[in-house]
Amino acid sequence: MNQVYLLIGGNLGDRTAHLAQARALIGRSIGPIRKASALYETAAWGLVHQPDFYNQALEVSTALQPEPLMQMILTIEADMGRIRNERYGPRVIDIDILLYNDLICTSPRVTLPHPRMQERRFVLAPLNEIAPELQHPVLHQTIRQLLDTVSDDSAVKKI
């Protein structure tokens, strides 16, 4: 089994219910959730004039390889009503692959580790809760170290 870290989030509708639905679909379609952070309310990043997000980090065991994993994530998002109108825009659900074992990979569909995770407090704070000593395979720093030095000062609060 592969150890995968995902970030789920959304800022439309009943955010708590949408994250619960995403966790259930991930558990059924991708693999068992081994750890889950608390929910975090986070300021929008990139396109800032929109509602705040709820985000949560998950550790998941999966037999899926990266490309089929990405396809399953896209299917879950579509089944939940995700519409991709604008980059960084509002959304019911967003599921990102942050880390997949210690794999470093760039393909047309998947880049691992997530190329901007180290720049985003809303990613690092929940991930630090469940895997503070996990090492980024490219930067060779722990999640705790990345969170301690991230320049992003956007609001992130545990719910």
C-alpha atoms as a PDB file:
ATOM      1  CA  MET A   1       0.000   0.000   0.000  1.00  0.00           C
ATOM      2  CA  ASN A   2       1.071   3.534  -0.735  1.00  0.00           C
ATOM      3  CA  GLN A   3       0.985   6.323   1.839  1.00  0.00           C
ATOM      4  CA  VAL A   4      -0.643   9.420   0.396  1.00  0.00           C
ATOM      5  CA  TYR A   5      -1.309  12.806   1.955  1.00  0.00           C
ATOM      6  CA  LEU A   6      -4.282  14.722   0.610  1.00  0.00           C
ATOM      7  CA  LEU A   7      -5.700  18.147   1.336  1.00  0.00           C
ATOM      8  CA  ILE A   8      -9.437  18.513   1.006  1.00  0.00           C
ATOM      9  CA  GLY A   9     -11.199  21.844   1.078  1.00  0.00           C
ATOM     10  CA  GLY A  10     -14.101  23.912  -0.093  1.00  0.00           C
ATOM     11  CA  ASN A  11     -15.810  27.246   0.428  1.00  0.00           C
ATOM     12  CA  LEU A  12     -19.327  26.859  -0.993  1.00  0.00           C
ATOM     13  CA  GLY A  13     -22.438  25.521   0.680  1.00  0.00           C
ATOM     14  CA  ASP A  14     -22.259  23.437   3.852  1.00  0.00           C
ATOM     15  CA  ARG A  15     -18.468  23.183   4.081  1.00  0.00           C
ATOM     16  CA  THR A  16     -18.478  20.707   6.965  1.00  0.00           C
ATOM     17  CA  ALA A  17     -20.918  18.371   5.198  1.00  0.00           C
ATOM     18  CA  HIS A  18     -18.977  18.567   1.939  1.00  0.00           C
ATOM     19  CA  LEU A  19     -15.736  17.583   3.663  1.00  0.00           C
ATOM     20  CA  ALA A  20     -17.511  14.688   5.395  1.00  0.00           C
ATOM     21  CA  GLN A  21     -18.882  13.532   2.035  1.00  0.00           C
ATOM     22  CA  ALA A  22     -15.415  13.797   0.466  1.00  0.00           C
ATOM     23  CA  ARG A  23     -13.889  11.727   3.289  1.00  0.00           C
ATOM     24  CA  ALA A  24     -16.545   9.039   2.800  1.00  0.00           C
ATOM     25  CA  LEU A  25     -15.948   8.908  -0.965  1.00  0.00           C
ATOM     26  CA  ILE A  26     -12.170   8.844  -0.487  1.00  0.00           C
ATOM     27  CA  GLY A  27     -12.500   5.982   1.992  1.00  0.00           C
ATOM     28  CA  ARG A  28     -14.657   3.986  -0.440  1.00  0.00           C
ATOM     29  CA  SER A  29     -12.885   4.801  -3.714  1.00  0.00           C
ATOM     30  CA  ILE A  30      -9.235   5.449  -2.827  1.00  0.00           C
ATOM     31  CA  GLY A  31      -8.481   3.660   0.434  1.00  0.00           C
ATOM     32  CA  PRO A  32      -8.737   3.847   4.199  1.00  0.00           C
ATOM     33  CA  ILE A  33      -8.087   7.154   5.902  1.00  0.00           C
ATOM     34  CA  ARG A  34      -5.385   6.521   8.516  1.00  0.00           C
ATOM     35  CA  LYS A  35      -5.218  10.036   9.981  1.00  0.00           C
ATOM     36  CA  ALA A  36      -7.261  13.197   9.625  1.00  0.00           C
ATOM     37  CA  SER A  37      -6.468  16.656  10.935  1.00  0.00           C
ATOM     38  CA  ALA A  38      -9.025  18.901  12.538  1.00  0.00           C
ATOM     39  CA  LEU A  39     -10.922  21.209  10.212  1.00  0.00           C
ATOM     40  CA  TYR A  40      -9.273  24.557   9.609  1.00  0.00           C
ATOM     41  CA  GLU A  41     -10.960  27.743   8.461  1.00  0.00           C
ATOM     42  CA  THR A  42      -8.601  29.457   6.070  1.00  0.00           C
ATOM     43  CA  ALA A  43      -8.541  32.645   4.079  1.00  0.00           C
ATOM     44  CA  ALA A  44      -8.825  32.246   0.326  1.00  0.00           C
ATOM     45  CA  TRP A  45      -5.459  32.078  -1.423  1.00  0.00           C
ATOM     46  CA  GLY A  46      -4.752  33.360  -4.928  1.00  0.00           C
ATOM     47  CA  LEU A  47      -8.173  34.863  -5.557  1.00  0.00           C
ATOM     48  CA  VAL A  48      -8.782  36.450  -2.167  1.00  0.00           C
ATOM     49  CA  HIS A  49     -12.224  38.068  -2.599  1.00  0.00           C
ATOM     50  CA  GLN A  50     -14.342  35.002  -1.883  1.00  0.00           C
ATOM     51  CA  PRO A  51     -15.640  33.110   1.167  1.00  0.00           C
ATOM     52  CA  ASP A  52     -13.192  31.456   3.559  1.00  0.00           C
ATOM     53  CA  PHE A  53     -12.407  27.785   3.044  1.00  0.00           C
ATOM     54  CA  TYR A  54     -12.573  24.812   5.351  1.00  0.00           C
ATOM     55  CA  ASN A  55      -9.537  22.576   4.839  1.00  0.00           C
ATOM     56  CA  GLN A  56      -8.406  19.246   6.239  1.00  0.00           C
ATOM     57  CA  ALA A  57      -5.314  17.080   5.725  1.00  0.00           C
ATOM     58  CA  LEU A  58      -5.691  13.319   5.366  1.00  0.00           C
ATOM     59  CA  GLU A  59      -3.267  10.415   5.420  1.00  0.00           C
ATOM     60  CA  VAL A  60      -4.649   7.677   3.166  1.00  0.00           C
ATOM     61  CA  SER A  61      -3.430   4.188   2.287  1.00  0.00           C
ATOM     62  CA  THR A  62      -4.063   3.318  -1.353  1.00  0.00           C
ATOM     63  CA  ALA A  63      -3.203   0.678  -3.904  1.00  0.00           C
ATOM     64  CA  LEU A  64      -3.725   3.232  -6.684  1.00  0.00           C
ATOM     65  CA  GLN A  65      -0.749   4.543  -8.619  1.00  0.00           C
ATOM     66  CA  PRO A  66      -0.492   8.352  -9.044  1.00  0.00           C
ATOM     67  CA  GLU A  67      -2.312   8.724 -12.386  1.00  0.00           C
ATOM     68  CA  PRO A  68      -5.296   6.489 -11.489  1.00  0.00           C
ATOM     69  CA  LEU A  69      -5.380   8.219  -8.090  1.00  0.00           C
ATOM     70  CA  MET A  70      -5.658  11.605  -9.799  1.00  0.00           C
ATOM     71  CA  GLN A  71      -8.420  10.280 -12.060  1.00  0.00           C
ATOM     72  CA  MET A  72     -10.348   9.003  -9.035  1.00  0.00           C
ATOM     73  CA  ILE A  73      -9.939  12.376  -7.298  1.00  0.00           C
ATOM     74  CA  LEU A  74     -11.290  14.178 -10.371  1.00  0.00           C
ATOM     75  CA  THR A  75     -14.238  11.752 -10.448  1.00  0.00           C
ATOM     76  CA  ILE A  76     -15.014  12.388  -6.769  1.00  0.00           C
ATOM     77  CA  GLU A  77     -14.835  16.159  -7.311  1.00  0.00           C
ATOM     78  CA  ALA A  78     -17.145  15.940 -10.341  1.00  0.00           C
ATOM     79  CA  ASP A  79     -19.595  13.674  -8.495  1.00  0.00           C
ATOM     80  CA  MET A  80     -19.740  16.256  -5.711  1.00  0.00           C
ATOM     81  CA  GLY A  81     -20.535  19.059  -8.161  1.00  0.00           C
ATOM     82  CA  ARG A  82     -17.128  20.653  -8.649  1.00  0.00           C
ATOM     83  CA  ILE A  83     -17.168  23.040 -11.595  1.00  0.00           C
ATOM     84  CA  ARG A  84     -13.872  24.498 -12.787  1.00  0.00           C
ATOM     85  CA  ASN A  85     -14.729  28.043 -13.926  1.00  0.00           C
ATOM     86  CA  GLU A  86     -11.693  30.021 -12.832  1.00  0.00           C
ATOM     87  CA  ARG A  87      -8.348  29.226 -11.302  1.00  0.00           C
ATOM     88  CA  TYR A  88      -8.400  29.564  -7.484  1.00  0.00           C
ATOM     89  CA  GLY A  89     -12.137  30.359  -7.681  1.00  0.00           C
ATOM     90  CA  PRO A  90     -14.856  29.289  -5.252  1.00  0.00           C
ATOM     91  CA  ARG A  91     -15.617  25.571  -5.137  1.00  0.00           C
ATOM     92  CA  VAL A  92     -17.696  22.958  -3.397  1.00  0.00           C
ATOM     93  CA  ILE A  93     -14.710  20.632  -3.061  1.00  0.00           C
ATOM     94  CA  ASP A  94     -11.046  20.555  -3.951  1.00  0.00           C
ATOM     95  CA  ILE A  95      -8.842  17.514  -3.375  1.00  0.00           C
ATOM     96  CA  ASP A  96      -5.090  17.871  -3.819  1.00  0.00           C
ATOM     97  CA  ILE A  97      -2.420  15.199  -3.665  1.00  0.00           C
ATOM     98  CA  LEU A  98       0.317  16.690  -1.488  1.00  0.00           C
ATOM     99  CA  LEU A  99       2.693  13.737  -1.130  1.00  0.00           C
ATOM    100  CA  TYR A 100       2.726  10.171  -2.433  1.00  0.00           C
ATOM    101  CA  ASN A 101       5.243   8.082  -0.489  1.00  0.00           C
ATOM    102  CA  ASP A 102       8.509   9.922  -1.196  1.00  0.00           C
ATOM    103  CA  LEU A 103       7.861   9.970  -4.943  1.00  0.00           C
ATOM    104  CA  ILE A 104       9.098  12.819  -7.095  1.00  0.00           C
ATOM    105  CA  CYS A 105       7.195  12.846 -10.373  1.00  0.00           C
ATOM    106  CA  THR A 106       6.153  15.249 -13.103  1.00  0.00           C
ATOM    107  CA  SER A 107       3.702  14.128 -15.735  1.00  0.00           C
ATOM    108  CA  PRO A 108       1.045  15.972 -17.737  1.00  0.00           C
ATOM    109  CA  ARG A 109      -1.570  14.987 -15.114  1.00  0.00           C
ATOM    110  CA  VAL A 110       0.305  14.724 -11.806  1.00  0.00           C
ATOM    111  CA  THR A 111       3.149  16.628 -10.164  1.00  0.00           C
ATOM    112  CA  LEU A 112       4.491  15.188  -6.915  1.00  0.00           C
ATOM    113  CA  PRO A 113       5.078  16.474  -4.389  1.00  0.00           C
ATOM    114  CA  HIS A 114       2.495  19.236  -4.838  1.00  0.00           C
ATOM    115  CA  PRO A 115       4.585  22.044  -6.384  1.00  0.00           C
ATOM    116  CA  ARG A 116       3.336  24.886  -4.155  1.00  0.00           C
ATOM    117  CA  MET A 117       2.533  23.184  -0.867  1.00  0.00           C
ATOM    118  CA  GLN A 118       5.550  24.729   0.884  1.00  0.00           C
ATOM    119  CA  GLU A 119       4.255  28.226   0.036  1.00  0.00           C
ATOM    120  CA  ARG A 120       0.821  27.797   1.603  1.00  0.00           C
ATOM    121  CA  ARG A 121       0.074  28.054   5.312  1.00  0.00           C
ATOM    122  CA  PHE A 122      -3.416  26.576   4.751  1.00  0.00           C
ATOM    123  CA  VAL A 123      -1.741  23.375   3.519  1.00  0.00           C
ATOM    124  CA  LEU A 124       1.082  23.169   6.029  1.00  0.00           C
ATOM    125  CA  ALA A 125      -0.916  23.848   9.218  1.00  0.00           C
ATOM    126  CA  PRO A 126      -3.310  20.881   8.918  1.00  0.00           C
ATOM    127  CA  LEU A 127      -0.580  18.640   7.483  1.00  0.00           C
ATOM    128  CA  ASN A 128       1.684  19.532  10.415  1.00  0.00           C
ATOM    129  CA  GLU A 129      -1.023  18.333  12.803  1.00  0.00           C
ATOM    130  CA  ILE A 130      -0.918  14.772  11.414  1.00  0.00           C
ATOM    131  CA  ALA A 131       2.655  14.491  10.087  1.00  0.00           C
ATOM    132  CA  PRO A 132       5.012  17.115  11.569  1.00  0.00           C
ATOM    133  CA  GLU A 133       8.156  14.995  11.085  1.00  0.00           C
ATOM    134  CA  LEU A 134       7.318  13.929   7.535  1.00  0.00           C
ATOM    135  CA  GLN A 135      10.083  15.080   5.224  1.00  0.00           C
ATOM    136  CA  HIS A 136       9.453  16.844   1.911  1.00  0.00           C
ATOM    137  CA  PRO A 137      11.260  14.664  -0.670  1.00  0.00           C
ATOM    138  CA  VAL A 138      12.627  17.605  -2.671  1.00  0.00           C
ATOM    139  CA  LEU A 139      13.281  20.258  -0.021  1.00  0.00           C
ATOM    140  CA  HIS A 140      14.521  17.781   2.636  1.00  0.00           C
ATOM    141  CA  GLN A 141      12.773  19.676   5.410  1.00  0.00           C
ATOM    142  CA  THR A 142      10.055  18.413   7.722  1.00  0.00           C
ATOM    143  CA  ILE A 143       6.526  19.734   7.498  1.00  0.00           C
ATOM    144  CA  ARG A 144       7.108  21.450  10.856  1.00  0.00           C
ATOM    145  CA  GLN A 145      10.204  23.212   9.476  1.00  0.00           C
ATOM    146  CA  LEU A 146       8.314  24.304   6.362  1.00  0.00           C
ATOM    147  CA  LEU A 147       5.460  25.677   8.479  1.00  0.00           C
ATOM    148  CA  ASP A 148       7.902  27.515  10.770  1.00  0.00           C
ATOM    149  CA  THR A 149       9.494  29.297   7.803  1.00  0.00           C
ATOM    150  CA  VAL A 150       6.577  29.818   5.395  1.00  0.00           C
ATOM    151  CA  SER A 151       6.218  33.450   4.330  1.00  0.00           C
ATOM    152  CA  ASP A 152       2.464  33.165   3.734  1.00  0.00           C
ATOM    153  CA  ASP A 153       0.748  34.964   6.609  1.00  0.00           C
ATOM    154  CA  SER A 154      -2.854  34.335   5.574  1.00  0.00           C
ATOM    155  CA  ALA A 155      -5.356  33.476   8.301  1.00  0.00           C
ATOM    156  CA  VAL A 156      -5.556  29.799   9.294  1.00  0.00           C
ATOM    157  CA  LYS A 157      -7.489  28.796  12.410  1.00  0.00           C
ATOM    158  CA  LYS A 158      -8.423  25.398  13.788  1.00  0.00           C
ATOM    159  CA  ILE A 159     -12.158  24.945  14.165  1.00  0.00           C
END
